[in-house]
């Protein structure tokens, strides 16, 4: 899958996203999700972390085992991809806080490639 981008509009949607994070998302090393700003967990989290009021997205690893979440670092981003805050898994959990990124378009190349992959053999 080398060279195939998962999202064909990621640069346009998030022009301020650091290249290392963009590459990690495109290669599926890291995952990006939209924050559900209407959920009570988000509202409560903003009390403890006021910077989260500016956050629209969060980047995290979907590969970390549940018992190791406390060592994970979540990267919260604004609507253009600029970092708002880092928060560790020991400080908060993401469960119930996330929605899919409906504004990110999965590329046709990626979809075709995935139809030919089995058991994750196409991951880097």
PDB file of N, CA and C in Angstrom:
ATOM      1  N   UNK A   1       0.809  -1.190   0.000  1.00  0.00           N
ATOM      2  CA  UNK A   1       0.000   0.000   0.000  1.00  0.00           C
ATOM      3  C   UNK A   1       0.856   1.260   0.000  1.00  0.00           C
ATOM      4  N   UNK A   2       2.130   1.076  -0.081  1.00  0.00           N
ATOM      5  CA  UNK A   2       3.046   2.198  -0.073  1.00  0.00           C
ATOM      6  C   UNK A   2       2.668   3.197  -1.166  1.00  0.00           C
ATOM      7  N   UNK A   3       2.509   4.462  -0.793  1.00  0.00           N
ATOM      8  CA  UNK A   3       2.189   5.492  -1.758  1.00  0.00           C
ATOM      9  C   UNK A   3       0.705   5.749  -1.935  1.00  0.00           C
ATOM     10  N   UNK A   4      -0.147   4.878  -1.454  1.00  0.00           N
ATOM     11  CA  UNK A   4      -1.584   5.078  -1.568  1.00  0.00           C
ATOM     12  C   UNK A   4      -2.072   5.792  -0.316  1.00  0.00           C
ATOM     13  N   UNK A   5      -2.710   6.933  -0.527  1.00  0.00           N
ATOM     14  CA  UNK A   5      -3.230   7.700   0.596  1.00  0.00           C
ATOM     15  C   UNK A   5      -4.642   7.251   0.926  1.00  0.00           C
ATOM     16  N   UNK A   6      -4.930   7.109   2.196  1.00  0.00           N
ATOM     17  CA  UNK A   6      -6.266   6.703   2.622  1.00  0.00           C
ATOM     18  C   UNK A   6      -7.275   7.805   2.322  1.00  0.00           C
ATOM     19  N   UNK A   7      -6.951   9.042   2.678  1.00  0.00           N
ATOM     20  CA  UNK A   7      -7.859  10.171   2.466  1.00  0.00           C
ATOM     21  C   UNK A   7      -7.294  11.080   1.386  1.00  0.00           C
ATOM     22  N   UNK A   8      -8.054  11.293   0.330  1.00  0.00           N
ATOM     23  CA  UNK A   8      -7.534  12.123  -0.757  1.00  0.00           C
ATOM     24  C   UNK A   8      -7.724  13.621  -0.529  1.00  0.00           C
ATOM     25  N   UNK A   9      -8.406  14.015   0.537  1.00  0.00           N
ATOM     26  CA  UNK A   9      -8.597  15.441   0.807  1.00  0.00           C
ATOM     27  C   UNK A   9      -8.075  15.872   2.185  1.00  0.00           C
ATOM     28  N   UNK A  10      -7.251  15.062   2.791  1.00  0.00           N
ATOM     29  CA  UNK A  10      -6.760  15.375   4.139  1.00  0.00           C
ATOM     30  C   UNK A  10      -5.986  16.691   4.171  1.00  0.00           C
ATOM     31  N   UNK A  11      -5.135  16.932   3.187  1.00  0.00           N
ATOM     32  CA  UNK A  11      -4.352  18.179   3.156  1.00  0.00           C
ATOM     33  C   UNK A  11      -5.247  19.405   3.016  1.00  0.00           C
ATOM     34  N   UNK A  12      -6.310  19.270   2.238  1.00  0.00           N
ATOM     35  CA  UNK A  12      -7.220  20.403   2.039  1.00  0.00           C
ATOM     36  C   UNK A  12      -8.063  20.669   3.289  1.00  0.00           C
ATOM     37  N   UNK A  13      -8.543  19.613   3.931  1.00  0.00           N
ATOM     38  CA  UNK A  13      -9.381  19.770   5.113  1.00  0.00           C
ATOM     39  C   UNK A  13      -8.557  20.262   6.295  1.00  0.00           C
ATOM     40  N   UNK A  14      -7.323  19.775   6.413  1.00  0.00           N
ATOM     41  CA  UNK A  14      -6.468  20.133   7.546  1.00  0.00           C
ATOM     42  C   UNK A  14      -5.115  20.656   7.058  1.00  0.00           C
ATOM     43  N   UNK A  15      -5.092  21.870   6.535  1.00  0.00           N
ATOM     44  CA  UNK A  15      -3.842  22.407   5.990  1.00  0.00           C
ATOM     45  C   UNK A  15      -2.748  22.629   7.035  1.00  0.00           C
ATOM     46  N   UNK A  16      -3.109  22.765   8.300  1.00  0.00           N
ATOM     47  CA  UNK A  16      -2.119  23.016   9.356  1.00  0.00           C
ATOM     48  C   UNK A  16      -1.621  21.747  10.040  1.00  0.00           C
ATOM     49  N   UNK A  17      -2.064  20.587   9.579  1.00  0.00           N
ATOM     50  CA  UNK A  17      -1.659  19.323  10.189  1.00  0.00           C
ATOM     51  C   UNK A  17      -0.182  19.056   9.912  1.00  0.00           C
ATOM     52  N   UNK A  18       0.560  18.724  10.956  1.00  0.00           N
ATOM     53  CA  UNK A  18       1.987  18.434  10.802  1.00  0.00           C
ATOM     54  C   UNK A  18       2.172  17.245   9.859  1.00  0.00           C
ATOM     55  N   UNK A  19       3.147  17.312   8.956  1.00  0.00           N
ATOM     56  CA  UNK A  19       3.366  16.231   7.992  1.00  0.00           C
ATOM     57  C   UNK A  19       3.542  14.853   8.625  1.00  0.00           C
ATOM     58  N   UNK A  20       4.216  14.767   9.759  1.00  0.00           N
ATOM     59  CA  UNK A  20       4.428  13.467  10.402  1.00  0.00           C
ATOM     60  C   UNK A  20       3.095  12.863  10.847  1.00  0.00           C
ATOM     61  N   UNK A  21       2.180  13.688  11.328  1.00  0.00           N
ATOM     62  CA  UNK A  21       0.861  13.194  11.724  1.00  0.00           C
ATOM     63  C   UNK A  21       0.029  12.833  10.493  1.00  0.00           C
ATOM     64  N   UNK A  22       0.108  13.658   9.470  1.00  0.00           N
ATOM     65  CA  UNK A  22      -0.609  13.370   8.226  1.00  0.00           C
ATOM     66  C   UNK A  22      -0.168  12.027   7.642  1.00  0.00           C
ATOM     67  N   UNK A  23       1.144  11.793   7.607  1.00  0.00           N
ATOM     68  CA  UNK A  23       1.663  10.534   7.078  1.00  0.00           C
ATOM     69  C   UNK A  23       1.231   9.347   7.925  1.00  0.00           C
ATOM     70  N   UNK A  24       1.214   9.529   9.240  1.00  0.00           N
ATOM     71  CA  UNK A  24       0.808   8.443  10.141  1.00  0.00           C
ATOM     72  C   UNK A  24      -0.673   8.099   9.963  1.00  0.00           C
ATOM     73  N   UNK A  25      -1.490   9.097   9.699  1.00  0.00           N
ATOM     74  CA  UNK A  25      -2.915   8.853   9.441  1.00  0.00           C
ATOM     75  C   UNK A  25      -3.091   8.164   8.094  1.00  0.00           C
ATOM     76  N   UNK A  26      -2.407   8.666   7.084  1.00  0.00           N
ATOM     77  CA  UNK A  26      -2.537   8.103   5.737  1.00  0.00           C
ATOM     78  C   UNK A  26      -2.075   6.646   5.682  1.00  0.00           C
ATOM     79  N   UNK A  27      -1.096   6.285   6.486  1.00  0.00           N
ATOM     80  CA  UNK A  27      -0.579   4.913   6.496  1.00  0.00           C
ATOM     81  C   UNK A  27      -1.316   4.027   7.496  1.00  0.00           C
ATOM     82  N   UNK A  28      -2.306   4.589   8.184  1.00  0.00           N
ATOM     83  CA  UNK A  28      -3.106   3.908   9.196  1.00  0.00           C
ATOM     84  C   UNK A  28      -2.323   3.512  10.443  1.00  0.00           C
ATOM     85  N   UNK A  29      -1.171   4.139  10.656  1.00  0.00           N
ATOM     86  CA  UNK A  29      -0.438   3.938  11.898  1.00  0.00           C
ATOM     87  C   UNK A  29      -1.200   4.612  13.034  1.00  0.00           C
ATOM     88  N   UNK A  30      -1.785   5.783  12.735  1.00  0.00           N
ATOM     89  CA  UNK A  30      -2.639   6.494  13.679  1.00  0.00           C
ATOM     90  C   UNK A  30      -4.015   6.682  13.063  1.00  0.00           C
ATOM     91  N   UNK A  31      -4.999   6.885  13.916  1.00  0.00           N
ATOM     92  CA  UNK A  31      -6.392   7.065  13.502  1.00  0.00           C
ATOM     93  C   UNK A  31      -6.824   8.484  13.856  1.00  0.00           C
ATOM     94  N   UNK A  32      -7.705   9.051  13.047  1.00  0.00           N
ATOM     95  CA  UNK A  32      -8.273  10.368  13.355  1.00  0.00           C
ATOM     96  C   UNK A  32      -9.786  10.231  13.412  1.00  0.00           C
ATOM     97  N   UNK A  33     -10.371  10.888  14.410  1.00  0.00           N
ATOM     98  CA  UNK A  33     -11.824  10.889  14.580  1.00  0.00           C
ATOM     99  C   UNK A  33     -12.279  12.302  14.927  1.00  0.00           C
ATOM    100  N   UNK A  34     -13.517  12.581  14.629  1.00  0.00           N
ATOM    101  CA  UNK A  34     -14.138  13.857  14.973  1.00  0.00           C
ATOM    102  C   UNK A  34     -14.672  13.753  16.409  1.00  0.00           C
ATOM    103  N   UNK A  35     -14.611  14.833  17.135  1.00  0.00           N
ATOM    104  CA  UNK A  35     -15.109  14.870  18.505  1.00  0.00           C
ATOM    105  C   UNK A  35     -16.608  15.172  18.482  1.00  0.00           C
ATOM    106  N   UNK A  36     -17.347  14.407  19.246  1.00  0.00           N
ATOM    107  CA  UNK A  36     -18.776  14.656  19.410  1.00  0.00           C
ATOM    108  C   UNK A  36     -18.926  15.718  20.494  1.00  0.00           C
ATOM    109  N   UNK A  37     -19.111  16.960  20.078  1.00  0.00           N
ATOM    110  CA  UNK A  37     -19.151  18.084  21.016  1.00  0.00           C
ATOM    111  C   UNK A  37     -20.453  18.169  21.805  1.00  0.00           C
ATOM    112  N   UNK A  38     -21.431  17.334  21.446  1.00  0.00           N
ATOM    113  CA  UNK A  38     -22.703  17.349  22.164  1.00  0.00           C
ATOM    114  C   UNK A  38     -22.753  16.352  23.311  1.00  0.00           C
ATOM    115  N   UNK A  39     -21.770  15.445  23.366  1.00  0.00           N
ATOM    116  CA  UNK A  39     -21.820  14.421  24.412  1.00  0.00           C
ATOM    117  C   UNK A  39     -21.371  14.997  25.759  1.00  0.00           C
ATOM    118  N   UNK A  40     -21.933  14.443  26.815  1.00  0.00           N
ATOM    119  CA  UNK A  40     -21.636  14.926  28.162  1.00  0.00           C
ATOM    120  C   UNK A  40     -20.169  14.744  28.530  1.00  0.00           C
ATOM    121  N   UNK A  41     -19.560  13.694  28.009  1.00  0.00           N
ATOM    122  CA  UNK A  41     -18.148  13.435  28.313  1.00  0.00           C
ATOM    123  C   UNK A  41     -17.265  14.570  27.784  1.00  0.00           C
ATOM    124  N   UNK A  42     -17.573  15.055  26.582  1.00  0.00           N
ATOM    125  CA  UNK A  42     -16.809  16.171  26.019  1.00  0.00           C
ATOM    126  C   UNK A  42     -17.003  17.428  26.870  1.00  0.00           C
ATOM    127  N   UNK A  43     -18.234  17.716  27.201  1.00  0.00           N
ATOM    128  CA  UNK A  43     -18.548  18.913  27.987  1.00  0.00           C
ATOM    129  C   UNK A  43     -17.822  18.870  29.335  1.00  0.00           C
ATOM    130  N   UNK A  44     -17.829  17.710  29.986  1.00  0.00           N
ATOM    131  CA  UNK A  44     -17.123  17.548  31.261  1.00  0.00           C
ATOM    132  C   UNK A  44     -15.614  17.673  31.071  1.00  0.00           C
ATOM    133  N   UNK A  45     -15.101  17.133  29.977  1.00  0.00           N
ATOM    134  CA  UNK A  45     -13.661  17.201  29.705  1.00  0.00           C
ATOM    135  C   UNK A  45     -13.199  18.640  29.517  1.00  0.00           C
ATOM    136  N   UNK A  46     -14.048  19.476  28.939  1.00  0.00           N
ATOM    137  CA  UNK A  46     -13.694  20.886  28.740  1.00  0.00           C
ATOM    138  C   UNK A  46     -13.545  21.626  30.071  1.00  0.00           C
ATOM    139  N   UNK A  47     -14.195  21.138  31.110  1.00  0.00           N
ATOM    140  CA  UNK A  47     -14.044  21.731  32.436  1.00  0.00           C
ATOM    141  C   UNK A  47     -12.626  21.501  32.957  1.00  0.00           C
ATOM    142  N   UNK A  48     -12.101  20.285  32.721  1.00  0.00           N
ATOM    143  CA  UNK A  48     -10.755  19.935  33.178  1.00  0.00           C
ATOM    144  C   UNK A  48      -9.673  20.426  32.220  1.00  0.00           C
ATOM    145  N   UNK A  49     -10.004  20.477  30.931  1.00  0.00           N
ATOM    146  CA  UNK A  49      -9.044  20.870  29.898  1.00  0.00           C
ATOM    147  C   UNK A  49      -9.709  21.929  29.001  1.00  0.00           C
ATOM    148  N   UNK A  50      -9.706  23.191  29.414  1.00  0.00           N
ATOM    149  CA  UNK A  50     -10.420  24.251  28.677  1.00  0.00           C
ATOM    150  C   UNK A  50     -10.003  24.393  27.206  1.00  0.00           C
ATOM    151  N   UNK A  51      -8.781  24.015  26.881  1.00  0.00           N
ATOM    152  CA  UNK A  51      -8.302  24.125  25.495  1.00  0.00           C
ATOM    153  C   UNK A  51      -9.118  23.253  24.548  1.00  0.00           C
ATOM    154  N   UNK A  52      -9.746  22.211  25.077  1.00  0.00           N
ATOM    155  CA  UNK A  52     -10.517  21.295  24.241  1.00  0.00           C
ATOM    156  C   UNK A  52     -11.715  21.975  23.579  1.00  0.00           C
ATOM    157  N   UNK A  53     -12.100  23.128  24.068  1.00  0.00           N
ATOM    158  CA  UNK A  53     -13.207  23.864  23.435  1.00  0.00           C
ATOM    159  C   UNK A  53     -12.859  24.215  21.993  1.00  0.00           C
ATOM    160  N   UNK A  54     -11.559  24.344  21.696  1.00  0.00           N
ATOM    161  CA  UNK A  54     -11.101  24.652  20.330  1.00  0.00           C
ATOM    162  C   UNK A  54     -10.923  23.393  19.485  1.00  0.00           C
ATOM    163  N   UNK A  55     -10.945  22.230  20.102  1.00  0.00           N
ATOM    164  CA  UNK A  55     -10.652  20.979  19.397  1.00  0.00           C
ATOM    165  C   UNK A  55     -11.842  20.489  18.573  1.00  0.00           C
ATOM    166  N   UNK A  56     -11.537  19.973  17.397  1.00  0.00           N
ATOM    167  CA  UNK A  56     -12.536  19.372  16.506  1.00  0.00           C
ATOM    168  C   UNK A  56     -12.252  17.888  16.281  1.00  0.00           C
ATOM    169  N   UNK A  57     -10.969  17.518  16.345  1.00  0.00           N
ATOM    170  CA  UNK A  57     -10.532  16.155  16.035  1.00  0.00           C
ATOM    171  C   UNK A  57      -9.579  15.649  17.096  1.00  0.00           C
ATOM    172  N   UNK A  58      -9.398  14.333  17.114  1.00  0.00           N
ATOM    173  CA  UNK A  58      -8.385  13.726  17.974  1.00  0.00           C
ATOM    174  C   UNK A  58      -7.683  12.628  17.180  1.00  0.00           C
ATOM    175  N   UNK A  59      -6.377  12.550  17.362  1.00  0.00           N
ATOM    176  CA  UNK A  59      -5.555  11.515  16.745  1.00  0.00           C
ATOM    177  C   UNK A  59      -5.097  10.585  17.856  1.00  0.00           C
ATOM    178  N   UNK A  60      -5.178   9.287  17.589  1.00  0.00           N
ATOM    179  CA  UNK A  60      -4.816   8.277  18.574  1.00  0.00           C
ATOM    180  C   UNK A  60      -4.388   7.014  17.845  1.00  0.00           C
ATOM    181  N   UNK A  61      -3.894   6.058  18.597  1.00  0.00           N
ATOM    182  CA  UNK A  61      -3.500   4.770  18.015  1.00  0.00           C
ATOM    183  C   UNK A  61      -4.588   3.742  18.271  1.00  0.00           C
ATOM    184  N   UNK A  62      -5.057   3.130  17.199  1.00  0.00           N
ATOM    185  CA  UNK A  62      -6.038   2.057  17.342  1.00  0.00           C
ATOM    186  C   UNK A  62      -5.355   0.726  17.625  1.00  0.00           C
ATOM    187  N   UNK A  63      -4.047   0.717  17.642  1.00  0.00           N
ATOM    188  CA  UNK A  63      -3.285  -0.518  17.828  1.00  0.00           C
ATOM    189  C   UNK A  63      -2.861  -0.777  19.269  1.00  0.00           C
ATOM    190  N   UNK A  64      -3.086   0.175  20.159  1.00  0.00           N
ATOM    191  CA  UNK A  64      -2.675   0.005  21.559  1.00  0.00           C
ATOM    192  C   UNK A  64      -3.681  -0.878  22.284  1.00  0.00           C
ATOM    193  N   UNK A  65      -3.159  -1.809  23.050  1.00  0.00           N
ATOM    194  CA  UNK A  65      -4.011  -2.711  23.816  1.00  0.00           C
ATOM    195  C   UNK A  65      -4.728  -1.933  24.916  1.00  0.00           C
ATOM    196  N   UNK A  66      -5.925  -2.391  25.256  1.00  0.00           N
ATOM    197  CA  UNK A  66      -6.749  -1.684  26.234  1.00  0.00           C
ATOM    198  C   UNK A  66      -6.018  -1.491  27.564  1.00  0.00           C
ATOM    199  N   UNK A  67      -5.266  -2.491  28.010  1.00  0.00           N
ATOM    200  CA  UNK A  67      -4.574  -2.367  29.303  1.00  0.00           C
ATOM    201  C   UNK A  67      -3.366  -1.423  29.235  1.00  0.00           C
ATOM    202  N   UNK A  68      -3.032  -0.908  28.058  1.00  0.00           N
ATOM    203  CA  UNK A  68      -1.912   0.020  27.913  1.00  0.00           C
ATOM    204  C   UNK A  68      -2.351   1.434  27.536  1.00  0.00           C
ATOM    205  N   UNK A  69      -3.661   1.683  27.534  1.00  0.00           N
ATOM    206  CA  UNK A  69      -4.185   3.003  27.158  1.00  0.00           C
ATOM    207  C   UNK A  69      -3.640   4.127  28.030  1.00  0.00           C
ATOM    208  N   UNK A  70      -3.341   3.830  29.286  1.00  0.00           N
ATOM    209  CA  UNK A  70      -2.862   4.902  30.171  1.00  0.00           C
ATOM    210  C   UNK A  70      -1.523   5.477  29.714  1.00  0.00           C
ATOM    211  N   UNK A  71      -0.804   4.750  28.851  1.00  0.00           N
ATOM    212  CA  UNK A  71       0.488   5.222  28.345  1.00  0.00           C
ATOM    213  C   UNK A  71       0.354   5.956  27.010  1.00  0.00           C
ATOM    214  N   UNK A  72      -0.831   5.947  26.451  1.00  0.00           N
ATOM    215  CA  UNK A  72      -1.062   6.578  25.150  1.00  0.00           C
ATOM    216  C   UNK A  72      -1.165   8.094  25.296  1.00  0.00           C
ATOM    217  N   UNK A  73      -0.843   8.804  24.218  1.00  0.00           N
ATOM    218  CA  UNK A  73      -1.003  10.251  24.174  1.00  0.00           C
ATOM    219  C   UNK A  73      -1.970  10.573  23.040  1.00  0.00           C
ATOM    220  N   UNK A  74      -3.019  11.317  23.359  1.00  0.00           N
ATOM    221  CA  UNK A  74      -4.000  11.737  22.368  1.00  0.00           C
ATOM    222  C   UNK A  74      -3.640  13.141  21.904  1.00  0.00           C
ATOM    223  N   UNK A  75      -3.732  13.382  20.606  1.00  0.00           N
ATOM    224  CA  UNK A  75      -3.429  14.688  20.044  1.00  0.00           C
ATOM    225  C   UNK A  75      -4.745  15.315  19.585  1.00  0.00           C
ATOM    226  N   UNK A  76      -5.130  16.398  20.237  1.00  0.00           N
ATOM    227  CA  UNK A  76      -6.360  17.100  19.890  1.00  0.00           C
ATOM    228  C   UNK A  76      -6.031  18.233  18.924  1.00  0.00           C
ATOM    229  N   UNK A  77      -6.840  18.343  17.873  1.00  0.00           N
ATOM    230  CA  UNK A  77      -6.600  19.304  16.798  1.00  0.00           C
ATOM    231  C   UNK A  77      -7.786  20.233  16.616  1.00  0.00           C
ATOM    232  N   UNK A  78      -7.501  21.430  16.112  1.00  0.00           N
ATOM    233  CA  UNK A  78      -8.597  22.326  15.749  1.00  0.00           C
ATOM    234  C   UNK A  78      -9.108  21.955  14.353  1.00  0.00           C
ATOM    235  N   UNK A  79     -10.006  22.736  13.810  1.00  0.00           N
ATOM    236  CA  UNK A  79     -10.626  22.432  12.531  1.00  0.00           C
ATOM    237  C   UNK A  79      -9.699  22.458  11.336  1.00  0.00           C
ATOM    238  N   UNK A  80      -8.528  23.081  11.467  1.00  0.00           N
ATOM    239  CA  UNK A  80      -7.561  23.142  10.367  1.00  0.00           C
ATOM    240  C   UNK A  80      -6.380  22.197  10.575  1.00  0.00           C
ATOM    241  N   UNK A  81      -6.403  21.434  11.676  1.00  0.00           N
ATOM    242  CA  UNK A  81      -5.342  20.473  11.925  1.00  0.00           C
ATOM    243  C   UNK A  81      -4.238  20.960  12.841  1.00  0.00           C
ATOM    244  N   UNK A  82      -4.383  22.142  13.387  1.00  0.00           N
ATOM    245  CA  UNK A  82      -3.367  22.675  14.312  1.00  0.00           C
ATOM    246  C   UNK A  82      -3.557  22.025  15.678  1.00  0.00           C
ATOM    247  N   UNK A  83      -2.459  21.646  16.318  1.00  0.00           N
ATOM    248  CA  UNK A  83      -2.531  21.019  17.631  1.00  0.00           C
ATOM    249  C   UNK A  83      -3.072  21.992  18.675  1.00  0.00           C
ATOM    250  N   UNK A  84      -4.024  21.492  19.446  1.00  0.00           N
ATOM    251  CA  UNK A  84      -4.627  22.270  20.522  1.00  0.00           C
ATOM    252  C   UNK A  84      -4.060  21.825  21.864  1.00  0.00           C
ATOM    253  N   UNK A  85      -3.945  20.494  22.024  1.00  0.00           N
ATOM    254  CA  UNK A  85      -3.477  19.955  23.302  1.00  0.00           C
ATOM    255  C   UNK A  85      -3.169  18.471  23.167  1.00  0.00           C
ATOM    256  N   UNK A  86      -2.213  18.008  23.970  1.00  0.00           N
ATOM    257  CA  UNK A  86      -1.951  16.579  24.156  1.00  0.00           C
ATOM    258  C   UNK A  86      -2.562  16.190  25.497  1.00  0.00           C
ATOM    259  N   UNK A  87      -3.179  15.029  25.544  1.00  0.00           N
ATOM    260  CA  UNK A  87      -3.701  14.498  26.800  1.00  0.00           C
ATOM    261  C   UNK A  87      -3.370  13.011  26.843  1.00  0.00           C
ATOM    262  N   UNK A  88      -2.921  12.531  27.979  1.00  0.00           N
ATOM    263  CA  UNK A  88      -2.570  11.112  28.078  1.00  0.00           C
ATOM    264  C   UNK A  88      -3.804  10.269  28.382  1.00  0.00           C
ATOM    265  N   UNK A  89      -3.667   8.990  28.092  1.00  0.00           N
ATOM    266  CA  UNK A  89      -4.729   8.042  28.403  1.00  0.00           C
ATOM    267  C   UNK A  89      -4.959   7.908  29.898  1.00  0.00           C
ATOM    268  N   UNK A  90      -3.968   8.263  30.708  1.00  0.00           N
ATOM    269  CA  UNK A  90      -4.137   8.241  32.165  1.00  0.00           C
ATOM    270  C   UNK A  90      -5.041   9.387  32.618  1.00  0.00           C
ATOM    271  N   UNK A  91      -5.089  10.469  31.823  1.00  0.00           N
ATOM    272  CA  UNK A  91      -5.882  11.641  32.186  1.00  0.00           C
ATOM    273  C   UNK A  91      -7.333  11.557  31.713  1.00  0.00           C
ATOM    274  N   UNK A  92      -7.560  10.829  30.617  1.00  0.00           N
ATOM    275  CA  UNK A  92      -8.927  10.699  30.105  1.00  0.00           C
ATOM    276  C   UNK A  92      -9.032   9.513  29.152  1.00  0.00           C
ATOM    277  N   UNK A  93     -10.252   9.075  28.908  1.00  0.00           N
ATOM    278  CA  UNK A  93     -10.535   8.021  27.935  1.00  0.00           C
ATOM    279  C   UNK A  93     -11.331   8.627  26.796  1.00  0.00           C
ATOM    280  N   UNK A  94     -11.179   8.056  25.614  1.00  0.00           N
ATOM    281  CA  UNK A  94     -11.884   8.558  24.445  1.00  0.00           C
ATOM    282  C   UNK A  94     -13.225   7.872  24.210  1.00  0.00           C
ATOM    283  N   UNK A  95     -13.463   6.765  24.898  1.00  0.00           N
ATOM    284  CA  UNK A  95     -14.688   6.008  24.676  1.00  0.00           C
ATOM    285  C   UNK A  95     -15.921   6.889  24.823  1.00  0.00           C
ATOM    286  N   UNK A  96     -16.802   6.853  23.836  1.00  0.00           N
ATOM    287  CA  UNK A  96     -18.029   7.623  23.860  1.00  0.00           C
ATOM    288  C   UNK A  96     -17.882   9.072  23.439  1.00  0.00           C
ATOM    289  N   UNK A  97     -16.683   9.467  23.040  1.00  0.00           N
ATOM    290  CA  UNK A  97     -16.392  10.860  22.716  1.00  0.00           C
ATOM    291  C   UNK A  97     -16.266  11.104  21.212  1.00  0.00           C
ATOM    292  N   UNK A  98     -16.198  10.044  20.417  1.00  0.00           N
ATOM    293  CA  UNK A  98     -15.791  10.167  19.019  1.00  0.00           C
ATOM    294  C   UNK A  98     -16.886   9.851  18.011  1.00  0.00           C
ATOM    295  N   UNK A  99     -16.786  10.532  16.871  1.00  0.00           N
ATOM    296  CA  UNK A  99     -17.612  10.281  15.694  1.00  0.00           C
ATOM    297  C   UNK A  99     -16.670  10.081  14.513  1.00  0.00           C
ATOM    298  N   UNK A 100     -17.203   9.571  13.421  1.00  0.00           N
ATOM    299  CA  UNK A 100     -16.368   9.425  12.226  1.00  0.00           C
ATOM    300  C   UNK A 100     -16.166  10.788  11.571  1.00  0.00           C
ATOM    301  N   UNK A 101     -15.129  10.889  10.780  1.00  0.00           N
ATOM    302  CA  UNK A 101     -14.812  12.128  10.061  1.00  0.00           C
ATOM    303  C   UNK A 101     -15.515  12.093   8.711  1.00  0.00           C
ATOM    304  N   UNK A 102     -16.744  12.515   8.692  1.00  0.00           N
ATOM    305  CA  UNK A 102     -17.528  12.455   7.459  1.00  0.00           C
ATOM    306  C   UNK A 102     -17.022  13.432   6.391  1.00  0.00           C
ATOM    307  N   UNK A 103     -16.207  14.395   6.782  1.00  0.00           N
ATOM    308  CA  UNK A 103     -15.664  15.350   5.820  1.00  0.00           C
ATOM    309  C   UNK A 103     -14.376  14.858   5.153  1.00  0.00           C
ATOM    310  N   UNK A 104     -13.839  13.733   5.596  1.00  0.00           N
ATOM    311  CA  UNK A 104     -12.665  13.152   4.956  1.00  0.00           C
ATOM    312  C   UNK A 104     -13.124  12.095   3.949  1.00  0.00           C
ATOM    313  N   UNK A 105     -12.595  12.192   2.743  1.00  0.00           N
ATOM    314  CA  UNK A 105     -13.001  11.295   1.664  1.00  0.00           C
ATOM    315  C   UNK A 105     -11.962  10.195   1.468  1.00  0.00           C
ATOM    316  N   UNK A 106     -12.409   8.946   1.610  1.00  0.00           N
ATOM    317  CA  UNK A 106     -11.520   7.805   1.394  1.00  0.00           C
ATOM    318  C   UNK A 106     -11.256   7.697  -0.104  1.00  0.00           C
ATOM    319  N   UNK A 107      -9.985   7.625  -0.485  1.00  0.00           N
ATOM    320  CA  UNK A 107      -9.610   7.610  -1.898  1.00  0.00           C
ATOM    321  C   UNK A 107     -10.040   6.314  -2.583  1.00  0.00           C
ATOM    322  N   UNK A 108     -10.308   6.427  -3.871  1.00  0.00           N
ATOM    323  CA  UNK A 108     -10.698   5.262  -4.677  1.00  0.00           C
ATOM    324  C   UNK A 108      -9.578   4.218  -4.697  1.00  0.00           C
ATOM    325  N   UNK A 109      -8.323   4.682  -4.812  1.00  0.00           N
ATOM    326  CA  UNK A 109      -7.187   3.753  -4.807  1.00  0.00           C
ATOM    327  C   UNK A 109      -7.158   2.926  -3.524  1.00  0.00           C
ATOM    328  N   UNK A 110      -7.421   3.571  -2.415  1.00  0.00           N
ATOM    329  CA  UNK A 110      -7.419   2.894  -1.126  1.00  0.00           C
ATOM    330  C   UNK A 110      -8.529   1.842  -1.073  1.00  0.00           C
ATOM    331  N   UNK A 111      -9.727   2.213  -1.513  1.00  0.00           N
ATOM    332  CA  UNK A 111     -10.859   1.288  -1.501  1.00  0.00           C
ATOM    333  C   UNK A 111     -10.547   0.063  -2.351  1.00  0.00           C
ATOM    334  N   UNK A 112     -10.010   0.280  -3.542  1.00  0.00           N
ATOM    335  CA  UNK A 112      -9.657  -0.840  -4.433  1.00  0.00           C
ATOM    336  C   UNK A 112      -8.609  -1.723  -3.780  1.00  0.00           C
ATOM    337  N   UNK A 113      -7.595  -1.093  -3.195  1.00  0.00           N
ATOM    338  CA  UNK A 113      -6.532  -1.854  -2.533  1.00  0.00           C
ATOM    339  C   UNK A 113      -7.091  -2.700  -1.394  1.00  0.00           C
ATOM    340  N   UNK A 114      -8.011  -2.139  -0.620  1.00  0.00           N
ATOM    341  CA  UNK A 114      -8.580  -2.863   0.514  1.00  0.00           C
ATOM    342  C   UNK A 114      -9.399  -4.067   0.088  1.00  0.00           C
ATOM    343  N   UNK A 115     -10.001  -4.017  -1.092  1.00  0.00           N
ATOM    344  CA  UNK A 115     -10.783  -5.166  -1.566  1.00  0.00           C
ATOM    345  C   UNK A 115      -9.887  -6.351  -1.884  1.00  0.00           C
ATOM    346  N   UNK A 116      -8.600  -6.083  -2.073  1.00  0.00           N
ATOM    347  CA  UNK A 116      -7.645  -7.144  -2.384  1.00  0.00           C
ATOM    348  C   UNK A 116      -6.809  -7.574  -1.186  1.00  0.00           C
ATOM    349  N   UNK A 117      -7.032  -6.964  -0.032  1.00  0.00           N
ATOM    350  CA  UNK A 117      -6.261  -7.275   1.172  1.00  0.00           C
ATOM    351  C   UNK A 117      -7.023  -8.241   2.069  1.00  0.00           C
ATOM    352  N   UNK A 118      -6.275  -9.079   2.750  1.00  0.00           N
ATOM    353  CA  UNK A 118      -6.862 -10.029   3.691  1.00  0.00           C
ATOM    354  C   UNK A 118      -6.059 -10.019   4.978  1.00  0.00           C
ATOM    355  N   UNK A 119      -6.756  -9.983   6.106  1.00  0.00           N
ATOM    356  CA  UNK A 119      -6.126 -10.054   7.434  1.00  0.00           C
ATOM    357  C   UNK A 119      -5.030  -9.022   7.653  1.00  0.00           C
ATOM    358  N   UNK A 120      -5.214  -7.821   7.119  1.00  0.00           N
ATOM    359  CA  UNK A 120      -4.266  -6.748   7.365  1.00  0.00           C
ATOM    360  C   UNK A 120      -2.960  -6.882   6.638  1.00  0.00           C
ATOM    361  N   UNK A 121      -2.856  -7.749   5.642  1.00  0.00           N
ATOM    362  CA  UNK A 121      -1.585  -7.970   4.954  1.00  0.00           C
ATOM    363  C   UNK A 121      -1.110  -6.762   4.167  1.00  0.00           C
ATOM    364  N   UNK A 122      -1.967  -5.800   3.934  1.00  0.00           N
ATOM    365  CA  UNK A 122      -1.582  -4.623   3.155  1.00  0.00           C
ATOM    366  C   UNK A 122      -1.098  -3.472   4.027  1.00  0.00           C
ATOM    367  N   UNK A 123      -1.137  -3.628   5.326  1.00  0.00           N
ATOM    368  CA  UNK A 123      -0.667  -2.551   6.212  1.00  0.00           C
ATOM    369  C   UNK A 123       0.843  -2.499   6.187  1.00  0.00           C
ATOM    370  N   UNK A 124       1.347  -1.302   6.499  1.00  0.00           N
ATOM    371  CA  UNK A 124       2.811  -1.101   6.554  1.00  0.00           C
ATOM    372  C   UNK A 124       3.373  -1.810   7.757  1.00  0.00           C
TER     373      UNK A 124
END
